[in-house]
C-alpha atoms as a PDB file:
ATOM      1  CA  UNK A   1      21.310   6.808 -19.345  1.00  0.00           C
ATOM      2  CA  UNK A   2      21.343   3.651 -17.142  1.00  0.00           C
ATOM      3  CA  UNK A   3      19.417   0.464 -17.806  1.00  0.00           C
ATOM      4  CA  UNK A   4      16.354   0.092 -15.517  1.00  0.00           C
ATOM      5  CA  UNK A   5      17.670  -3.196 -14.067  1.00  0.00           C
ATOM      6  CA  UNK A   6      20.833  -1.439 -12.907  1.00  0.00           C
ATOM      7  CA  UNK A   7      18.710   0.145 -10.167  1.00  0.00           C
ATOM      8  CA  UNK A   8      17.320  -3.118  -8.691  1.00  0.00           C
ATOM      9  CA  UNK A   9      18.902  -6.287 -10.132  1.00  0.00           C
ATOM     10  CA  UNK A  10      20.656  -8.530  -7.580  1.00  0.00           C
ATOM     11  CA  UNK A  11      19.085  -6.816  -4.563  1.00  0.00           C
ATOM     12  CA  UNK A  12      16.805  -8.321  -1.931  1.00  0.00           C
ATOM     13  CA  UNK A  13      13.335  -6.829  -1.791  1.00  0.00           C
ATOM     14  CA  UNK A  14      11.647  -7.500   1.570  1.00  0.00           C
ATOM     15  CA  UNK A  15       7.935  -7.968   1.288  1.00  0.00           C
ATOM     16  CA  UNK A  16       5.886  -6.767   4.276  1.00  0.00           C
ATOM     17  CA  UNK A  17       3.247  -9.470   4.524  1.00  0.00           C
ATOM     18  CA  UNK A  18       1.961 -12.246   6.777  1.00  0.00           C
ATOM     19  CA  UNK A  19      -0.892 -13.226   4.422  1.00  0.00           C
ATOM     20  CA  UNK A  20       1.053 -14.901   1.525  1.00  0.00           C
ATOM     21  CA  UNK A  21       0.901 -11.902  -0.798  1.00  0.00           C
ATOM     22  CA  UNK A  22       4.234 -13.086  -2.138  1.00  0.00           C
ATOM     23  CA  UNK A  23       2.221 -15.535  -4.286  1.00  0.00           C
ATOM     24  CA  UNK A  24       0.895 -12.586  -6.334  1.00  0.00           C
ATOM     25  CA  UNK A  25       3.801 -10.169  -6.054  1.00  0.00           C
ATOM     26  CA  UNK A  26       7.114 -12.072  -6.014  1.00  0.00           C
ATOM     27  CA  UNK A  27       7.019 -13.726  -9.443  1.00  0.00           C
ATOM     28  CA  UNK A  28       6.345 -10.436 -11.210  1.00  0.00           C
ATOM     29  CA  UNK A  29       9.033  -8.434  -9.386  1.00  0.00           C
ATOM     30  CA  UNK A  30      11.681 -11.151  -9.582  1.00  0.00           C
ATOM     31  CA  UNK A  31      11.104 -11.585 -13.348  1.00  0.00           C
ATOM     32  CA  UNK A  32      10.924  -7.945 -14.275  1.00  0.00           C
ATOM     33  CA  UNK A  33      13.366  -6.310 -11.829  1.00  0.00           C
ATOM     34  CA  UNK A  34      15.841  -9.104 -11.142  1.00  0.00           C
ATOM     35  CA  UNK A  35      15.337  -8.827  -7.373  1.00  0.00           C
ATOM     36  CA  UNK A  36      15.004 -11.659  -4.860  1.00  0.00           C
ATOM     37  CA  UNK A  37      11.796 -11.227  -2.864  1.00  0.00           C
ATOM     38  CA  UNK A  38      12.054 -12.202   0.789  1.00  0.00           C
ATOM     39  CA  UNK A  39       9.319 -12.264   3.496  1.00  0.00           C
ATOM     40  CA  UNK A  40      10.666 -11.349   6.928  1.00  0.00           C
ATOM     41  CA  UNK A  41      10.053 -14.217   9.417  1.00  0.00           C
ATOM     42  CA  UNK A  42       7.214 -13.620  11.928  1.00  0.00           C
ATOM     43  CA  UNK A  43       6.433 -10.210  10.424  1.00  0.00           C
ATOM     44  CA  UNK A  44       3.147  -8.976  11.921  1.00  0.00           C
ATOM     45  CA  UNK A  45       1.114  -6.681   9.693  1.00  0.00           C
ATOM     46  CA  UNK A  46      -2.009  -6.989  11.854  1.00  0.00           C
ATOM     47  CA  UNK A  47      -0.609  -4.205  14.040  1.00  0.00           C
ATOM     48  CA  UNK A  48      -1.297  -1.755  11.175  1.00  0.00           C
ATOM     49  CA  UNK A  49      -4.989  -2.695  10.992  1.00  0.00           C
ATOM     50  CA  UNK A  50      -7.137  -5.749  10.316  1.00  0.00           C
ATOM     51  CA  UNK A  51     -10.123  -6.317   8.010  1.00  0.00           C
ATOM     52  CA  UNK A  52     -11.866  -8.166  10.847  1.00  0.00           C
ATOM     53  CA  UNK A  53     -11.834  -5.058  13.052  1.00  0.00           C
ATOM     54  CA  UNK A  54      -9.700  -6.167  16.004  1.00  0.00           C
ATOM     55  CA  UNK A  55      -7.173  -3.448  15.121  1.00  0.00           C
ATOM     56  CA  UNK A  56      -8.377  -0.246  13.443  1.00  0.00           C
ATOM     57  CA  UNK A  57      -6.287   1.184  10.625  1.00  0.00           C
ATOM     58  CA  UNK A  58      -4.943   4.428  12.069  1.00  0.00           C
ATOM     59  CA  UNK A  59      -3.977   6.098   8.797  1.00  0.00           C
ATOM     60  CA  UNK A  60      -5.007   6.240   5.176  1.00  0.00           C
ATOM     61  CA  UNK A  61      -4.334   3.439   2.719  1.00  0.00           C
ATOM     62  CA  UNK A  62      -1.102   4.784   1.223  1.00  0.00           C
ATOM     63  CA  UNK A  63       0.354   5.825   4.555  1.00  0.00           C
ATOM     64  CA  UNK A  64      -0.386   2.406   5.992  1.00  0.00           C
ATOM     65  CA  UNK A  65       1.377   0.681   3.111  1.00  0.00           C
ATOM     66  CA  UNK A  66       4.334   3.026   3.575  1.00  0.00           C
ATOM     67  CA  UNK A  67       4.493   2.254   7.316  1.00  0.00           C
ATOM     68  CA  UNK A  68       4.539  -1.500   6.568  1.00  0.00           C
ATOM     69  CA  UNK A  69       7.426  -1.067   4.088  1.00  0.00           C
ATOM     70  CA  UNK A  70       9.375   1.048   6.528  1.00  0.00           C
ATOM     71  CA  UNK A  71       8.877  -1.511   9.339  1.00  0.00           C
ATOM     72  CA  UNK A  72      10.104  -4.315   7.050  1.00  0.00           C
ATOM     73  CA  UNK A  73      13.257  -2.254   6.214  1.00  0.00           C
ATOM     74  CA  UNK A  74      13.898  -1.454   9.857  1.00  0.00           C
ATOM     75  CA  UNK A  75      13.614  -5.053  11.032  1.00  0.00           C
ATOM     76  CA  UNK A  76      15.755  -6.550   8.236  1.00  0.00           C
ATOM     77  CA  UNK A  77      18.316  -3.876   7.583  1.00  0.00           C
ATOM     78  CA  UNK A  78      17.712  -4.117   3.807  1.00  0.00           C
ATOM     79  CA  UNK A  79      17.299  -1.080   1.571  1.00  0.00           C
ATOM     80  CA  UNK A  80      14.456  -2.168  -0.702  1.00  0.00           C
ATOM     81  CA  UNK A  81      10.919  -3.022   0.497  1.00  0.00           C
ATOM     82  CA  UNK A  82       7.509  -3.816  -0.986  1.00  0.00           C
ATOM     83  CA  UNK A  83       4.187  -3.490   0.827  1.00  0.00           C
ATOM     84  CA  UNK A  84       0.572  -3.522  -0.233  1.00  0.00           C
ATOM     85  CA  UNK A  85      -2.711  -2.351   1.280  1.00  0.00           C
ATOM     86  CA  UNK A  86      -6.282  -3.020   0.192  1.00  0.00           C
ATOM     87  CA  UNK A  87      -9.579  -1.238   0.755  1.00  0.00           C
ATOM     88  CA  UNK A  88     -13.113  -2.435  -0.009  1.00  0.00           C
ATOM     89  CA  UNK A  89     -16.334  -0.591  -0.406  1.00  0.00           C
ATOM     90  CA  UNK A  90     -18.654   1.078  -2.922  1.00  0.00           C
ATOM     91  CA  UNK A  91     -17.152   2.008  -6.309  1.00  0.00           C
ATOM     92  CA  UNK A  92     -16.494   5.815  -6.460  1.00  0.00           C
ATOM     93  CA  UNK A  93     -18.400   6.189  -9.755  1.00  0.00           C
ATOM     94  CA  UNK A  94     -20.887   3.311  -9.278  1.00  0.00           C
ATOM     95  CA  UNK A  95     -21.790   3.196  -5.606  1.00  0.00           C
ATOM     96  CA  UNK A  96     -24.196   0.276  -6.069  1.00  0.00           C
ATOM     97  CA  UNK A  97     -21.190  -1.940  -7.064  1.00  0.00           C
ATOM     98  CA  UNK A  98     -18.511  -3.164  -4.659  1.00  0.00           C
ATOM     99  CA  UNK A  99     -14.878  -2.646  -5.535  1.00  0.00           C
ATOM    100  CA  UNK A 100     -11.369  -3.508  -4.394  1.00  0.00           C
ATOM    101  CA  UNK A 101      -8.668  -0.780  -4.432  1.00  0.00           C
ATOM    102  CA  UNK A 102      -5.203  -2.245  -4.046  1.00  0.00           C
ATOM    103  CA  UNK A 103      -1.988  -0.297  -3.674  1.00  0.00           C
ATOM    104  CA  UNK A 104       1.505  -1.751  -3.962  1.00  0.00           C
ATOM    105  CA  UNK A 105       4.374   0.472  -2.880  1.00  0.00           C
ATOM    106  CA  UNK A 106       8.128   0.152  -3.519  1.00  0.00           C
ATOM    107  CA  UNK A 107      10.367   1.974  -1.028  1.00  0.00           C
ATOM    108  CA  UNK A 108      14.074   2.214  -2.002  1.00  0.00           C
ATOM    109  CA  UNK A 109      16.279   3.737   0.690  1.00  0.00           C
ATOM    110  CA  UNK A 110      19.411   3.344  -1.443  1.00  0.00           C
ATOM    111  CA  UNK A 111      18.114   5.662  -4.130  1.00  0.00           C
ATOM    112  CA  UNK A 112      15.547   7.552  -2.012  1.00  0.00           C
ATOM    113  CA  UNK A 113      12.617   6.420  -4.179  1.00  0.00           C
ATOM    114  CA  UNK A 114       8.979   5.727  -3.449  1.00  0.00           C
ATOM    115  CA  UNK A 115       6.957   4.292  -6.334  1.00  0.00           C
ATOM    116  CA  UNK A 116       3.285   3.260  -6.173  1.00  0.00           C
ATOM    117  CA  UNK A 117       1.153   0.960  -8.275  1.00  0.00           C
ATOM    118  CA  UNK A 118      -2.669   0.855  -8.029  1.00  0.00           C
ATOM    119  CA  UNK A 119      -5.606  -1.180  -9.194  1.00  0.00           C
ATOM    120  CA  UNK A 120      -9.318  -0.355  -8.749  1.00  0.00           C
ATOM    121  CA  UNK A 121     -11.314  -3.434  -9.650  1.00  0.00           C
ATOM    122  CA  UNK A 122     -14.977  -4.480  -9.461  1.00  0.00           C
ATOM    123  CA  UNK A 123     -13.782  -8.115  -9.563  1.00  0.00           C
ATOM    124  CA  UNK A 124     -14.402  -8.832  -5.878  1.00  0.00           C
ATOM    125  CA  UNK A 125     -16.602 -11.062  -3.762  1.00  0.00           C
ATOM    126  CA  UNK A 126     -16.697  -8.551  -0.952  1.00  0.00           C
ATOM    127  CA  UNK A 127     -20.051  -9.258   0.672  1.00  0.00           C
ATOM    128  CA  UNK A 128     -21.825  -9.759   4.000  1.00  0.00           C
ATOM    129  CA  UNK A 129     -25.228 -11.008   4.990  1.00  0.00           C
ATOM    130  CA  UNK A 130     -27.298 -11.680   8.086  1.00  0.00           C
ATOM    131  CA  UNK A 131     -28.692 -15.255   8.056  1.00  0.00           C
ATOM    132  CA  UNK A 132     -31.258 -16.998  10.278  1.00  0.00           C
ATOM    133  CA  UNK A 133     -30.502 -20.634   9.515  1.00  0.00           C
ATOM    134  CA  UNK A 134     -28.068 -23.017   7.854  1.00  0.00           C
ATOM    135  CA  UNK A 135     -29.964 -22.954   4.564  1.00  0.00           C
ATOM    136  CA  UNK A 136     -29.436 -19.223   4.207  1.00  0.00           C
ATOM    137  CA  UNK A 137     -25.805 -19.561   5.272  1.00  0.00           C
ATOM    138  CA  UNK A 138     -25.207 -22.336   2.710  1.00  0.00           C
ATOM    139  CA  UNK A 139     -26.698 -20.171  -0.066  1.00  0.00           C
ATOM    140  CA  UNK A 140     -24.449 -17.225   0.845  1.00  0.00           C
ATOM    141  CA  UNK A 141     -21.427 -19.478   0.970  1.00  0.00           C
ATOM    142  CA  UNK A 142     -22.155 -20.852  -2.507  1.00  0.00           C
ATOM    143  CA  UNK A 143     -22.590 -17.292  -3.893  1.00  0.00           C
ATOM    144  CA  UNK A 144     -19.163 -16.155  -2.715  1.00  0.00           C
ATOM    145  CA  UNK A 145     -17.278 -19.290  -3.934  1.00  0.00           C
ATOM    146  CA  UNK A 146     -16.777 -20.985  -0.572  1.00  0.00           C
ATOM    147  CA  UNK A 147     -14.629 -22.956   0.308  1.00  0.00           C
ATOM    148  CA  UNK A 148     -12.150 -21.537  -2.232  1.00  0.00           C
ATOM    149  CA  UNK A 149     -12.708 -18.210  -0.443  1.00  0.00           C
ATOM    150  CA  UNK A 150     -12.719 -18.047   3.333  1.00  0.00           C
ATOM    151  CA  UNK A 151     -15.574 -16.728   5.497  1.00  0.00           C
ATOM    152  CA  UNK A 152     -16.059 -14.909   8.758  1.00  0.00           C
ATOM    153  CA  UNK A 153     -18.930 -15.389  11.203  1.00  0.00           C
ATOM    154  CA  UNK A 154     -20.062 -12.866  13.788  1.00  0.00           C
ATOM    155  CA  UNK A 155     -22.783 -12.159  16.296  1.00  0.00           C
ATOM    156  CA  UNK A 156     -23.402  -8.468  15.669  1.00  0.00           C
ATOM    157  CA  UNK A 157     -19.836  -7.102  16.011  1.00  0.00           C
ATOM    158  CA  UNK A 158     -18.508  -9.997  18.086  1.00  0.00           C
ATOM    159  CA  UNK A 159     -16.216 -12.312  16.097  1.00  0.00           C
ATOM    160  CA  UNK A 160     -17.060 -16.009  16.335  1.00  0.00           C
ATOM    161  CA  UNK A 161     -14.636 -17.362  13.737  1.00  0.00           C
ATOM    162  CA  UNK A 162     -12.528 -16.228  10.784  1.00  0.00           C
ATOM    163  CA  UNK A 163     -10.566 -17.925   8.035  1.00  0.00           C
ATOM    164  CA  UNK A 164     -13.215 -20.602   7.688  1.00  0.00           C
ATOM    165  CA  UNK A 165     -12.558 -22.861   4.712  1.00  0.00           C
ATOM    166  CA  UNK A 166     -14.454 -26.060   5.578  1.00  0.00           C
ATOM    167  CA  UNK A 167     -18.194 -26.740   5.601  1.00  0.00           C
ATOM    168  CA  UNK A 168     -18.182 -28.345   9.103  1.00  0.00           C
ATOM    169  CA  UNK A 169     -16.327 -25.343  10.545  1.00  0.00           C
ATOM    170  CA  UNK A 170     -18.800 -23.008   8.944  1.00  0.00           C
ATOM    171  CA  UNK A 171     -21.805 -24.986  10.255  1.00  0.00           C
ATOM    172  CA  UNK A 172     -20.415 -25.011  13.736  1.00  0.00           C
ATOM    173  CA  UNK A 173     -19.697 -21.275  13.704  1.00  0.00           C
ATOM    174  CA  UNK A 174     -23.170 -20.403  12.339  1.00  0.00           C
ATOM    175  CA  UNK A 175     -24.846 -22.604  14.954  1.00  0.00           C
ATOM    176  CA  UNK A 176     -22.808 -20.990  17.740  1.00  0.00           C
ATOM    177  CA  UNK A 177     -23.636 -17.505  16.472  1.00  0.00           C
ATOM    178  CA  UNK A 178     -27.372 -18.159  16.176  1.00  0.00           C
ATOM    179  CA  UNK A 179     -27.406 -19.612  19.650  1.00  0.00           C
ATOM    180  CA  UNK A 180     -25.590 -16.653  21.172  1.00  0.00           C
ATOM    181  CA  UNK A 181     -27.533 -14.015  19.227  1.00  0.00           C
ATOM    182  CA  UNK A 182     -30.378 -12.164  20.962  1.00  0.00           C
ATOM    183  CA  UNK A 183     -32.444 -12.315  17.816  1.00  0.00           C
ATOM    184  CA  UNK A 184     -31.340 -15.734  16.460  1.00  0.00           C
ATOM    185  CA  UNK A 185     -29.148 -14.505  13.570  1.00  0.00           C
ATOM    186  CA  UNK A 186     -25.531 -14.753  12.414  1.00  0.00           C
ATOM    187  CA  UNK A 187     -23.620 -12.342  10.223  1.00  0.00           C
ATOM    188  CA  UNK A 188     -21.500 -13.877   7.463  1.00  0.00           C
ATOM    189  CA  UNK A 189     -18.751 -12.045   5.734  1.00  0.00           C
ATOM    190  CA  UNK A 190     -16.166 -12.869   3.086  1.00  0.00           C
ATOM    191  CA  UNK A 191     -12.677 -13.009   4.590  1.00  0.00           C
ATOM    192  CA  UNK A 192     -10.763 -10.418   2.558  1.00  0.00           C
ATOM    193  CA  UNK A 193      -7.289 -11.340   3.855  1.00  0.00           C
ATOM    194  CA  UNK A 194      -5.194 -12.287   0.821  1.00  0.00           C
ATOM    195  CA  UNK A 195      -4.487 -15.839   1.895  1.00  0.00           C
ATOM    196  CA  UNK A 196      -8.236 -16.556   2.128  1.00  0.00           C
ATOM    197  CA  UNK A 197      -9.239 -14.656  -1.001  1.00  0.00           C
ATOM    198  CA  UNK A 198      -7.822 -15.748  -4.361  1.00  0.00           C
ATOM    199  CA  UNK A 199      -9.898 -13.068  -6.127  1.00  0.00           C
ATOM    200  CA  UNK A 200      -8.120 -10.396  -4.146  1.00  0.00           C
ATOM    201  CA  UNK A 201      -4.752 -11.939  -4.863  1.00  0.00           C
ATOM    202  CA  UNK A 202      -5.459 -11.438  -8.603  1.00  0.00           C
ATOM    203  CA  UNK A 203      -6.123  -7.719  -8.037  1.00  0.00           C
ATOM    204  CA  UNK A 204      -2.922  -7.434  -6.019  1.00  0.00           C
ATOM    205  CA  UNK A 205      -1.085  -8.933  -8.949  1.00  0.00           C
ATOM    206  CA  UNK A 206      -2.703  -6.338 -11.246  1.00  0.00           C
ATOM    207  CA  UNK A 207      -1.588  -3.525  -8.910  1.00  0.00           C
ATOM    208  CA  UNK A 208       1.906  -5.027  -8.970  1.00  0.00           C
ATOM    209  CA  UNK A 209       1.835  -4.949 -12.802  1.00  0.00           C
ATOM    210  CA  UNK A 210       0.886  -1.301 -12.655  1.00  0.00           C
ATOM    211  CA  UNK A 211       3.759  -0.669 -10.210  1.00  0.00           C
ATOM    212  CA  UNK A 212       6.117  -2.177 -12.785  1.00  0.00           C
ATOM    213  CA  UNK A 213       4.608   0.065 -15.484  1.00  0.00           C
ATOM    214  CA  UNK A 214       5.256   3.152 -13.328  1.00  0.00           C
ATOM    215  CA  UNK A 215       8.820   1.971 -12.556  1.00  0.00           C
ATOM    216  CA  UNK A 216       9.494   1.530 -16.284  1.00  0.00           C
ATOM    217  CA  UNK A 217       8.562   5.195 -16.920  1.00  0.00           C
ATOM    218  CA  UNK A 218      12.059   6.731 -16.631  1.00  0.00           C
ATOM    219  CA  UNK A 219      12.924  10.360 -16.399  1.00  0.00           C
ATOM    220  CA  UNK A 220      13.858  11.776 -19.841  1.00  0.00           C
ATOM    221  CA  UNK A 221      16.571  13.908 -18.166  1.00  0.00           C
ATOM    222  CA  UNK A 222      18.348  11.548 -15.714  1.00  0.00           C
ATOM    223  CA  UNK A 223      16.927   8.103 -16.353  1.00  0.00           C
ATOM    224  CA  UNK A 224      15.534   7.605 -12.837  1.00  0.00           C
ATOM    225  CA  UNK A 225      12.594   5.110 -12.695  1.00  0.00           C
ATOM    226  CA  UNK A 226       9.178   6.147 -11.577  1.00  0.00           C
ATOM    227  CA  UNK A 227       8.695   9.321 -13.675  1.00  0.00           C
ATOM    228  CA  UNK A 228       5.271   9.849 -12.165  1.00  0.00           C
ATOM    229  CA  UNK A 229       2.126  11.875 -12.551  1.00  0.00           C
ATOM    230  CA  UNK A 230       1.866  14.665  -9.983  1.00  0.00           C
ATOM    231  CA  UNK A 231      -0.928  16.862 -11.371  1.00  0.00           C
ATOM    232  CA  UNK A 232      -3.835  16.885 -13.823  1.00  0.00           C
ATOM    233  CA  UNK A 233      -5.678  19.793 -15.493  1.00  0.00           C
ATOM    234  CA  UNK A 234      -9.227  19.435 -16.809  1.00  0.00           C
ATOM    235  CA  UNK A 235     -10.519  21.131 -19.928  1.00  0.00           C
ATOM    236  CA  UNK A 236     -10.301  18.674 -22.799  1.00  0.00           C
ATOM    237  CA  UNK A 237     -12.291  20.399 -25.576  1.00  0.00           C
ATOM    238  CA  UNK A 238     -15.514  19.013 -26.971  1.00  0.00           C
ATOM    239  CA  UNK A 239     -14.972  17.578 -30.442  1.00  0.00           C
ATOM    240  CA  UNK A 240     -18.227  19.162 -31.659  1.00  0.00           C
ATOM    241  CA  UNK A 241     -18.198  22.670 -30.221  1.00  0.00           C
ATOM    242  CA  UNK A 242     -14.830  23.154 -28.501  1.00  0.00           C
ATOM    243  CA  UNK A 243     -16.249  23.836 -25.064  1.00  0.00           C
ATOM    244  CA  UNK A 244     -13.849  22.762 -22.261  1.00  0.00           C
ATOM    245  CA  UNK A 245     -15.034  19.633 -20.396  1.00  0.00           C
ATOM    246  CA  UNK A 246     -14.105  18.112 -17.039  1.00  0.00           C
ATOM    247  CA  UNK A 247     -11.956  15.492 -18.783  1.00  0.00           C
ATOM    248  CA  UNK A 248      -8.224  15.741 -18.394  1.00  0.00           C
ATOM    249  CA  UNK A 249      -6.521  17.984 -20.945  1.00  0.00           C
ATOM    250  CA  UNK A 250      -2.978  17.887 -19.535  1.00  0.00           C
ATOM    251  CA  UNK A 251      -0.943  15.729 -17.137  1.00  0.00           C
ATOM    252  CA  UNK A 252       2.268  16.795 -15.371  1.00  0.00           C
ATOM    253  CA  UNK A 253       4.961  14.196 -14.696  1.00  0.00           C
ATOM    254  CA  UNK A 254       7.925  14.815 -12.387  1.00  0.00           C
ATOM    255  CA  UNK A 255      11.146  13.022 -11.484  1.00  0.00           C
ATOM    256  CA  UNK A 256      11.788  12.236  -7.771  1.00  0.00           C
ATOM    257  CA  UNK A 257      15.580  12.596  -8.205  1.00  0.00           C
ATOM    258  CA  UNK A 258      16.221  15.649 -10.318  1.00  0.00           C
ATOM    259  CA  UNK A 259      12.740  17.234 -10.204  1.00  0.00           C
ATOM    260  CA  UNK A 260      12.552  17.473 -13.983  1.00  0.00           C
ATOM    261  CA  UNK A 261       8.944  18.130 -15.109  1.00  0.00           C
ATOM    262  CA  UNK A 262       7.081  17.452 -18.338  1.00  0.00           C
ATOM    263  CA  UNK A 263       3.519  18.173 -19.325  1.00  0.00           C
ATOM    264  CA  UNK A 264       1.813  15.701 -21.638  1.00  0.00           C
ATOM    265  CA  UNK A 265      -1.619  14.913 -23.046  1.00  0.00           C
ATOM    266  CA  UNK A 266      -3.107  11.842 -21.259  1.00  0.00           C
ATOM    267  CA  UNK A 267      -2.358   8.699 -23.132  1.00  0.00           C
ATOM    268  CA  UNK A 268      -5.670   7.089 -22.167  1.00  0.00           C
ATOM    269  CA  UNK A 269      -7.821   9.833 -23.766  1.00  0.00           C
ATOM    270  CA  UNK A 270      -8.306  11.105 -27.355  1.00  0.00           C
ATOM    271  CA  UNK A 271      -7.242  14.674 -28.238  1.00  0.00           C
ATOM    272  CA  UNK A 272     -10.866  15.831 -28.024  1.00  0.00           C
ATOM    273  CA  UNK A 273     -13.802  14.840 -25.828  1.00  0.00           C
ATOM    274  CA  UNK A 274     -16.923  13.062 -26.977  1.00  0.00           C
ATOM    275  CA  UNK A 275     -19.907  15.500 -26.932  1.00  0.00           C
ATOM    276  CA  UNK A 276     -21.553  13.292 -24.352  1.00  0.00           C
ATOM    277  CA  UNK A 277     -19.119  14.814 -21.813  1.00  0.00           C
ATOM    278  CA  UNK A 278     -19.747  18.413 -22.909  1.00  0.00           C
ATOM    279  CA  UNK A 279     -21.762  20.753 -20.576  1.00  0.00           C
ATOM    280  CA  UNK A 280     -23.003  22.624 -23.673  1.00  0.00           C
ATOM    281  CA  UNK A 281     -23.886  19.776 -26.064  1.00  0.00           C
ATOM    282  CA  UNK A 282     -25.111  17.469 -23.283  1.00  0.00           C
ATOM    283  CA  UNK A 283     -26.261  19.766 -20.438  1.00  0.00           C
END
């Protein structure tokens, strides 16, 4: 069975970014995989969708990350690419809390591999607010850690300025927006592009760490990295009465190369469910 670094060490990994994501991703990949991370010059990821709305994302989050990676491979001629894609909105289990879901994908044409890391985090300053004066704008800016995090100013849906990181720039944009607005308001938003949002960069790093964890899971049969989860079955029994619950009882992992499969109990859950999850004990 081959050593994991035999698959990647000494290779160039092109990173599909124009927003300095290499700051979060490159050190981890270079240290753990032995690759050299390279950002293609003048690589434009805005064509795949923008957070500021000028270009709508035409596909889902994973497909968009895959398209970015494939474009980086096509324009460089390399065989190994990394791309990431973020999404912001209400937390799926706690809709009153904002969250950041980051995906980092590795595409390896040499070995025909696609491996994905993910992080869902509530550590985000994703916010927006309509303001009527500079005092309200200043309070919003302080709440989202400006100027360490950039801001966007709009009049309704019309963009006035983005990537704002200086107080005088913010004041000028807010003044312009209020003057142009029919109702004397400006809409402020956090700029969620990675180069303007250090908090997001941290979550991208966490998704990269998860990618490395998935890569390190090798197939027990052929040693291929990325022995990944493909299916889950609910039914973990209640520890008090044995009734099946909605918690995962079994996870199936599968190899991308030899299609070897293995069913395992989930490592992140005990062998039995707490009665609080039981439809009989806690109806």
